[in-house]
Protein backbone atom coordinates (compact mmCIF):
# COMPACT_ATOMS: atom_id res chain seq x y z
CA MET A 1 179.54 20.56 113.54
CA PHE A 2 182.87 22.94 112.62
CA ILE A 3 185.34 24.46 114.42
CA LYS A 4 185.76 28.49 114.78
CA ILE A 5 189.26 30.47 114.83
CA ILE A 6 189.03 33.71 116.26
CA LEU A 7 192.70 35.76 115.97
CA SER A 8 192.77 38.48 119.04
CA ARG A 9 195.01 40.54 119.89
CA LYS A 10 197.13 41.38 123.20
CA GLY A 11 199.81 41.93 125.16
CA PHE A 12 201.31 46.23 124.42
CA ASP A 13 200.44 48.51 121.69
CA SER A 14 200.96 52.48 121.06
CA GLY A 15 197.86 53.46 124.07
CA TYR A 16 198.67 49.89 126.96
CA GLY A 17 202.39 49.98 127.69
CA GLY A 18 203.96 51.72 124.83
CA TYR A 19 206.19 49.56 123.03
CA PRO A 20 205.98 46.64 121.74
CA SER A 21 206.13 43.12 123.44
CA ILE A 22 209.37 40.84 123.05
CA ILE A 23 211.93 38.54 121.34
CA MET A 24 215.26 37.71 123.18
CA PRO A 25 218.00 36.89 121.60
CA ASN A 26 217.36 32.86 122.13
CA ASN A 27 213.48 34.47 120.14
CA GLU A 28 211.57 33.52 123.36
CA MET A 29 208.91 35.45 123.05
CA ILE A 30 207.87 37.27 125.68
CA THR A 31 203.92 38.65 125.93
CA LEU A 32 204.03 42.11 128.14
CA PRO A 33 200.74 41.57 129.40
CA ILE A 34 198.91 45.22 129.68
CA PRO A 35 198.53 47.04 132.12
CA ASP A 36 195.77 46.98 135.01
CA LEU A 37 194.95 49.02 138.24
CA ARG A 38 192.71 46.63 139.44
CA ASP A 39 195.09 42.60 138.46
CA LYS A 40 196.57 40.67 142.05
CA VAL A 41 199.47 40.52 139.23
CA TYR A 42 202.87 42.02 139.00
CA TYR A 43 205.05 42.74 136.51
CA SER A 44 207.76 41.50 138.68
CA ASN A 45 206.34 38.33 139.31
CA LEU A 46 206.31 37.63 135.58
CA LYS A 47 209.27 35.36 134.31
CA THR A 48 211.04 34.70 131.12
CA ASN A 49 211.77 30.33 130.69
CA ASN A 50 215.65 30.54 131.45
CA ASN A 51 213.90 32.34 135.23
CA ILE A 52 214.48 36.18 134.42
CA LYS A 53 212.92 38.06 135.77
CA VAL A 54 211.28 40.42 133.65
CA ILE A 55 210.53 43.53 135.25
CA ASP A 56 214.15 43.99 134.29
CA ILE A 57 214.36 43.39 131.10
CA MET A 58 211.42 46.02 130.93
CA LYS A 59 213.46 48.76 132.50
CA GLN A 60 215.75 48.33 130.70
CA LEU A 61 214.08 49.17 128.22
CA ASN A 62 212.04 51.83 129.77
CA THR A 63 211.00 53.10 133.22
CA ASN A 64 207.86 54.28 132.08
CA ILE A 65 205.08 52.85 130.54
CA LYS A 66 201.46 54.09 129.28
CA SER A 67 197.66 53.29 131.22
CA GLY A 68 196.08 55.85 129.59
CA LYS A 69 198.96 58.09 130.10
CA LEU A 70 202.91 56.93 131.73
CA ILE A 71 202.70 56.10 134.71
CA PRO A 72 206.50 54.74 136.12
CA LEU A 73 207.19 50.65 136.39
CA THR A 74 207.27 49.90 139.57
CA ASN A 75 207.74 46.59 141.62
CA GLN A 76 204.06 47.20 142.21
CA THR A 77 202.73 48.02 138.83
CA THR A 78 200.37 45.02 138.45
CA CYS A 79 199.50 44.49 134.71
CA HIS A 80 196.24 41.40 133.64
CA LEU A 81 197.72 38.43 132.69
CA ASP A 82 196.07 37.23 129.15
CA PRO A 83 196.30 34.95 127.35
CA ASP A 84 198.21 33.16 130.60
CA LEU A 85 199.72 30.68 127.96
CA LEU A 86 202.43 29.65 130.24
CA LYS A 87 203.08 27.23 133.45
CA SER A 88 206.30 29.26 133.99
CA SER A 89 205.49 32.85 133.75
CA ILE A 90 203.83 33.15 137.67
CA ASP A 91 205.01 30.72 140.72
CA ARG A 92 202.17 28.73 139.82
CA GLY A 93 199.76 25.82 142.20
CA ASP A 94 198.19 22.71 141.57
CA GLY A 95 196.60 21.55 137.88
CA TRP A 96 197.93 25.30 136.37
CA ARG A 97 195.40 25.55 132.28
CA GLY A 98 196.35 27.69 130.56
CA SER A 99 193.11 31.10 130.15
CA PHE A 100 191.54 33.16 128.25
CA GLY A 101 188.29 35.88 129.54
CA GLN A 102 186.92 39.45 128.20
CA ILE A 103 184.98 40.65 129.91
CA SER A 104 181.74 43.76 129.51
CA ALA A 105 181.29 44.72 125.96
CA SER A 106 184.11 42.02 124.42
CA GLN A 107 182.55 38.53 126.38
CA THR A 108 178.52 40.46 124.22
CA VAL A 109 180.86 40.28 121.35
CA LEU A 110 181.94 36.56 122.06
CA GLU A 111 178.31 35.18 122.67
CA ASN A 112 176.67 36.90 119.61
CA ASN A 113 179.24 35.00 116.97
CA ASN A 114 177.81 31.67 119.20
CA VAL A 115 181.81 31.20 120.56
CA LYS A 116 181.69 28.18 122.48
CA GLU A 117 183.83 25.00 123.95
CA GLY A 118 185.68 23.09 120.84
CA ASP A 119 186.55 26.99 119.10
CA ILE A 120 190.24 28.12 119.09
CA PHE A 121 191.55 31.42 119.60
CA ILE A 122 194.67 32.10 117.71
CA PHE A 123 196.66 35.60 119.32
CA PHE A 124 198.46 38.14 117.55
CA GLY A 125 200.26 40.93 118.71
CA TRP A 126 202.73 43.96 118.07
CA PHE A 127 206.40 42.65 118.77
CA ASN A 128 210.52 43.58 118.10
CA ASN A 129 213.49 41.74 119.20
CA VAL A 130 215.59 42.62 121.35
CA ASP A 131 219.62 42.89 121.94
CA LEU A 132 221.62 41.66 125.32
CA THR A 133 224.37 44.57 124.63
CA GLU A 134 226.73 45.86 127.25
CA GLN A 135 224.02 48.95 128.21
CA GLY A 136 221.73 45.82 128.62
CA TYR A 137 218.58 45.04 127.24
CA LYS A 138 218.26 47.51 123.35
CA PHE A 139 215.15 46.51 120.69
CA LYS A 140 216.51 46.03 117.35
CA LYS A 141 215.46 49.06 115.22
CA GLY A 142 213.35 49.09 112.47
CA ASN A 143 212.63 45.54 113.79
CA ASP A 144 208.36 45.89 114.92
CA ARG A 145 206.15 43.99 113.53
CA HIS A 146 202.88 41.82 114.49
CA THR A 147 202.45 38.38 114.03
CA MET A 148 200.64 35.51 116.26
CA PHE A 149 202.25 33.86 119.40
CA GLY A 150 200.37 31.40 120.52
CA TYR A 151 196.86 30.02 121.12
CA LEU A 152 194.35 28.19 122.85
CA GLN A 153 191.06 26.26 122.57
CA ILE A 154 188.03 25.89 124.29
CA ASP A 155 187.42 22.91 126.74
CA LYS A 156 185.28 24.95 129.13
CA ILE A 157 183.96 28.48 128.81
CA ILE A 158 183.22 30.04 132.70
CA TYR A 159 181.09 33.17 133.57
CA PRO A 160 182.17 33.98 136.64
CA HIS A 161 179.28 35.51 138.32
CA LYS A 162 176.99 32.40 138.28
CA ASP A 163 179.35 29.04 137.91
CA GLU A 164 181.68 27.98 139.65
CA VAL A 165 185.63 28.53 138.89
CA PRO A 166 188.15 26.34 139.92
CA ASP A 167 190.64 27.44 141.44
CA TRP A 168 193.37 26.75 138.73
CA ALA A 169 191.88 30.08 136.75
CA LYS A 170 191.10 32.04 140.55
CA ASP A 171 194.45 33.65 139.64
CA HIS A 172 193.14 34.88 136.38
CA LEU A 173 190.57 37.45 137.34
CA ARG A 174 190.54 40.59 137.91
CA VAL A 175 189.67 41.37 141.19
CA ASN A 176 185.92 42.72 140.49
CA GLU A 177 184.87 39.82 138.41
CA VAL A 178 185.10 37.30 141.27
């Protein structure tokens, strides 16, 4: 038996989000999940490891984000927290576990390549360092890059349309997946 390693690009890009994810002055990496009107997670609910509201940092960097077109970033703007790697990102119930999901063509690619339990996803994305200035958080000029920020090893593959979804995974699903 061998383990596959799959590289998966996640977080803001030039089309969804419109600017890089964030590397804080203390080197904490904050992956900004893409906007998604179908989801149940609000940017205003996301927190850093130091309990700072992510939306407050985002609004200092830019008051708009891209989701096919430019939209205002508000406390009601929803996102798809995928991959969901940090328990501290949002308030959680008992039994939380890291999770990642694919649907449609992306899921078919994984199935066609026999991705299975034990395989490892390494996540990478577009990041830039920020400085805290007197005017708030600002991106460092000329410092953006793609970098790896996390991984998950597949413990169990859950198909929401046919498998019982454990309570810890229900918050990860988009409304139309359940």
